[in-house]
Every structure is written in structure tokens, then in C-alpha cells.
Amino acid sequence: MEHLKRRQDFVAAARAPSAATPGLVLQALNRQDSALPRLGFTCSKKIGNAVARNRAKRLLREFYRGHKDLFPRGTRTAIVVRKPPEGAVLSSVCAELLPALLRRWGGN
């Protein structure tokens, strides 16, 4: 997985169509090239302390490892965490993120 690192990458993803759930916002830009998908995560301090923010980001990275095929090549995706995952378990992240991904990419 390649990461979004620069602010301009996050801004470009934010201007693209998005899919929101109560716990997160999926912002995804399809550049329509053959590059690997790039992913970035943001969590504000409203989520909690550093431990809670890092746990949320670790869960999102783990979700990506198990569902790489849901992220098309050439996409730049930013995931904004609005509230911490319920119980901080992977199943709660999957329950929130899968519908958002399917709405955004249409099952591709």
C-alpha cells in the first residue's frame, strides 16, 4: 500500500466524490492510471487521545490488507474518521467501510 503523504493529495481526494457513514467519510479520486492505489487516513483530536487515533488508523490499515481488491488501481483514497470504531474491533470498521466503498466504486 502506498500512502497519501502530501496535503495536496488529501485536498485532491477531498474534492472528488465521497461516501459518508456515521463513523467515517471516504473521499476517493480515480486518476484512471495503472498506479497502485494510494491511501491516507486522518483522525482529528475529537476522536480521542493519540492511542485512540492510532488504533483507528491501525484498524483501517488492517481493513485494507484484507480487502485490497476493493480499491481500484489508480485511485487516491482519503478516509476521515469521524468517531472511533465501536469497541475498536475490525468487524465494526468493516461494517462501516464496506457499504461506503461499494457506494463509491459501485462494486468494482
C-alpha atoms as a PDB file:
ATOM      1  CA  MET A   1       0.000   0.000   0.000  1.00  0.00           C
ATOM      2  CA  GLU A   2       1.237   3.418  -0.885  1.00  0.00           C
ATOM      3  CA  HIS A   3       0.294   6.286   1.395  1.00  0.00           C
ATOM      4  CA  LEU A   4      -1.030   9.746   0.712  1.00  0.00           C
ATOM      5  CA  LYS A   5       1.528  11.980   2.380  1.00  0.00           C
ATOM      6  CA  ARG A   6       1.255  15.477   0.964  1.00  0.00           C
ATOM      7  CA  ARG A   7      -1.521  17.900   1.748  1.00  0.00           C
ATOM      8  CA  GLN A   8      -2.262  18.429  -1.939  1.00  0.00           C
ATOM      9  CA  ASP A   9      -3.013  14.705  -2.315  1.00  0.00           C
ATOM     10  CA  PHE A  10      -5.543  14.874   0.538  1.00  0.00           C
ATOM     11  CA  VAL A  11      -7.078  18.055  -0.926  1.00  0.00           C
ATOM     12  CA  ALA A  12      -7.437  16.420  -4.353  1.00  0.00           C
ATOM     13  CA  ALA A  13      -9.177  13.425  -2.771  1.00  0.00           C
ATOM     14  CA  ALA A  14     -11.437  15.754  -0.779  1.00  0.00           C
ATOM     15  CA  ARG A  15     -12.618  17.466  -3.974  1.00  0.00           C
ATOM     16  CA  ALA A  16     -13.593  14.127  -5.509  1.00  0.00           C
ATOM     17  CA  PRO A  17     -16.912  12.369  -4.863  1.00  0.00           C
ATOM     18  CA  SER A  18     -17.261  10.926  -1.389  1.00  0.00           C
ATOM     19  CA  ALA A  19     -19.347   8.433   0.568  1.00  0.00           C
ATOM     20  CA  ALA A  20     -20.179   9.123   4.200  1.00  0.00           C
ATOM     21  CA  THR A  21     -21.233   6.886   7.064  1.00  0.00           C
ATOM     22  CA  PRO A  22     -21.872   7.883  10.676  1.00  0.00           C
ATOM     23  CA  GLY A  23     -18.321   6.948  11.659  1.00  0.00           C
ATOM     24  CA  LEU A  24     -16.225   7.943   8.650  1.00  0.00           C
ATOM     25  CA  VAL A  25     -16.030   9.695   5.309  1.00  0.00           C
ATOM     26  CA  LEU A  26     -14.492   8.007   2.270  1.00  0.00           C
ATOM     27  CA  GLN A  27     -13.080  10.529  -0.209  1.00  0.00           C
ATOM     28  CA  ALA A  28     -11.808   8.917  -3.384  1.00  0.00           C
ATOM     29  CA  LEU A  29     -10.322  10.249  -6.594  1.00  0.00           C
ATOM     30  CA  ASN A  30      -9.922   7.953  -9.584  1.00  0.00           C
ATOM     31  CA  ARG A  31      -6.958   9.152 -11.630  1.00  0.00           C
ATOM     32  CA  GLN A  32      -7.545   6.352 -14.142  1.00  0.00           C
ATOM     33  CA  ASP A  33      -3.935   5.305 -14.393  1.00  0.00           C
ATOM     34  CA  SER A  34      -2.291   1.967 -13.656  1.00  0.00           C
ATOM     35  CA  ALA A  35      -0.540   3.036 -10.452  1.00  0.00           C
ATOM     36  CA  LEU A  36      -1.132   1.197  -7.210  1.00  0.00           C
ATOM     37  CA  PRO A  37      -3.956   2.570  -5.062  1.00  0.00           C
ATOM     38  CA  ARG A  38      -2.821   5.178  -2.558  1.00  0.00           C
ATOM     39  CA  LEU A  39      -4.462   5.538   0.826  1.00  0.00           C
ATOM     40  CA  GLY A  40      -4.412   8.176   3.544  1.00  0.00           C
ATOM     41  CA  PHE A  41      -6.104   8.374   6.930  1.00  0.00           C
ATOM     42  CA  THR A  42      -6.973  11.353   9.084  1.00  0.00           C
ATOM     43  CA  CYS A  43      -8.266  11.471  12.641  1.00  0.00           C
ATOM     44  CA  SER A  44      -8.836  14.715  14.497  1.00  0.00           C
ATOM     45  CA  LYS A  45      -8.303  15.139  18.204  1.00  0.00           C
ATOM     46  CA  LYS A  46     -12.082  14.922  18.611  1.00  0.00           C
ATOM     47  CA  ILE A  47     -11.654  11.148  18.202  1.00  0.00           C
ATOM     48  CA  GLY A  48      -9.686  10.924  21.426  1.00  0.00           C
ATOM     49  CA  ASN A  49      -6.127  10.762  22.603  1.00  0.00           C
ATOM     50  CA  ALA A  50      -3.215   9.554  20.477  1.00  0.00           C
ATOM     51  CA  VAL A  51      -3.837   5.940  21.461  1.00  0.00           C
ATOM     52  CA  ALA A  52      -7.435   6.050  20.182  1.00  0.00           C
ATOM     53  CA  ARG A  53      -6.454   7.827  16.945  1.00  0.00           C
ATOM     54  CA  ASN A  54      -3.633   5.395  16.222  1.00  0.00           C
ATOM     55  CA  ARG A  55      -5.878   2.411  16.988  1.00  0.00           C
ATOM     56  CA  ALA A  56      -8.457   3.689  14.482  1.00  0.00           C
ATOM     57  CA  LYS A  57      -5.779   4.109  11.808  1.00  0.00           C
ATOM     58  CA  ARG A  58      -4.329   0.645  12.517  1.00  0.00           C
ATOM     59  CA  LEU A  59      -7.786  -0.871  12.073  1.00  0.00           C
ATOM     60  CA  LEU A  60      -8.192   0.922   8.737  1.00  0.00           C
ATOM     61  CA  ARG A  61      -4.814  -0.340   7.534  1.00  0.00           C
ATOM     62  CA  GLU A  62      -5.787  -3.869   8.559  1.00  0.00           C
ATOM     63  CA  PHE A  63      -9.066  -3.499   6.669  1.00  0.00           C
ATOM     64  CA  TYR A  64      -7.098  -2.518   3.563  1.00  0.00           C
ATOM     65  CA  ARG A  65      -4.844  -5.571   3.865  1.00  0.00           C
ATOM     66  CA  GLY A  66      -7.866  -7.858   3.827  1.00  0.00           C
ATOM     67  CA  HIS A  67      -9.818  -6.014   1.117  1.00  0.00           C
ATOM     68  CA  LYS A  68      -7.198  -4.755  -1.360  1.00  0.00           C
ATOM     69  CA  ASP A  69      -9.351  -5.863  -4.277  1.00  0.00           C
ATOM     70  CA  LEU A  70     -11.999  -3.245  -3.381  1.00  0.00           C
ATOM     71  CA  PHE A  71      -9.564  -0.394  -4.116  1.00  0.00           C
ATOM     72  CA  PRO A  72      -9.154   0.006  -7.911  1.00  0.00           C
ATOM     73  CA  ARG A  73      -5.769   0.777  -9.424  1.00  0.00           C
ATOM     74  CA  GLY A  74      -5.080   4.452  -9.960  1.00  0.00           C
ATOM     75  CA  THR A  75      -7.213   5.641  -7.056  1.00  0.00           C
ATOM     76  CA  ARG A  76      -6.290   8.097  -4.349  1.00  0.00           C
ATOM     77  CA  THR A  77      -8.413   7.499  -1.254  1.00  0.00           C
ATOM     78  CA  ALA A  78      -8.578   9.521   1.946  1.00  0.00           C
ATOM     79  CA  ILE A  79     -10.540   8.133   4.878  1.00  0.00           C
ATOM     80  CA  VAL A  80     -11.585  10.642   7.525  1.00  0.00           C
ATOM     81  CA  VAL A  81     -12.537   9.113  10.863  1.00  0.00           C
ATOM     82  CA  ARG A  82     -15.470  10.985  12.446  1.00  0.00           C
ATOM     83  CA  LYS A  83     -15.844   8.871  15.567  1.00  0.00           C
ATOM     84  CA  PRO A  84     -13.869   5.952  16.972  1.00  0.00           C
ATOM     85  CA  PRO A  85     -14.940   2.480  15.818  1.00  0.00           C
ATOM     86  CA  GLU A  86     -17.361   0.714  18.174  1.00  0.00           C
ATOM     87  CA  GLY A  87     -15.314  -1.373  20.571  1.00  0.00           C
ATOM     88  CA  ALA A  88     -12.254  -0.692  18.390  1.00  0.00           C
ATOM     89  CA  VAL A  89     -12.627  -4.004  16.551  1.00  0.00           C
ATOM     90  CA  LEU A  90     -12.103  -4.802  12.895  1.00  0.00           C
ATOM     91  CA  SER A  91     -15.665  -6.017  12.377  1.00  0.00           C
ATOM     92  CA  SER A  92     -17.068  -2.575  13.232  1.00  0.00           C
ATOM     93  CA  VAL A  93     -14.699  -0.949  10.740  1.00  0.00           C
ATOM     94  CA  CYS A  94     -15.780  -3.445   8.056  1.00  0.00           C
ATOM     95  CA  ALA A  95     -19.451  -2.763   8.787  1.00  0.00           C
ATOM     96  CA  GLU A  96     -18.902   0.964   8.191  1.00  0.00           C
ATOM     97  CA  LEU A  97     -16.375   0.934   5.368  1.00  0.00           C
ATOM     98  CA  LEU A  98     -17.694  -1.828   3.089  1.00  0.00           C
ATOM     99  CA  PRO A  99     -21.003  -0.067   2.263  1.00  0.00           C
ATOM    100  CA  ALA A 100     -19.166   3.213   1.669  1.00  0.00           C
ATOM    101  CA  LEU A 101     -16.712   1.545  -0.710  1.00  0.00           C
ATOM    102  CA  LEU A 102     -19.482  -0.212  -2.601  1.00  0.00           C
ATOM    103  CA  ARG A 103     -21.429   3.054  -2.909  1.00  0.00           C
ATOM    104  CA  ARG A 104     -18.355   4.920  -4.155  1.00  0.00           C
ATOM    105  CA  TRP A 105     -16.970   2.336  -6.582  1.00  0.00           C
ATOM    106  CA  GLY A 106     -20.160   0.516  -7.460  1.00  0.00           C
ATOM    107  CA  GLY A 107     -18.757  -2.893  -6.577  1.00  0.00           C
ATOM    108  CA  ASN A 108     -15.635  -2.625  -8.806  1.00  0.00           C
END
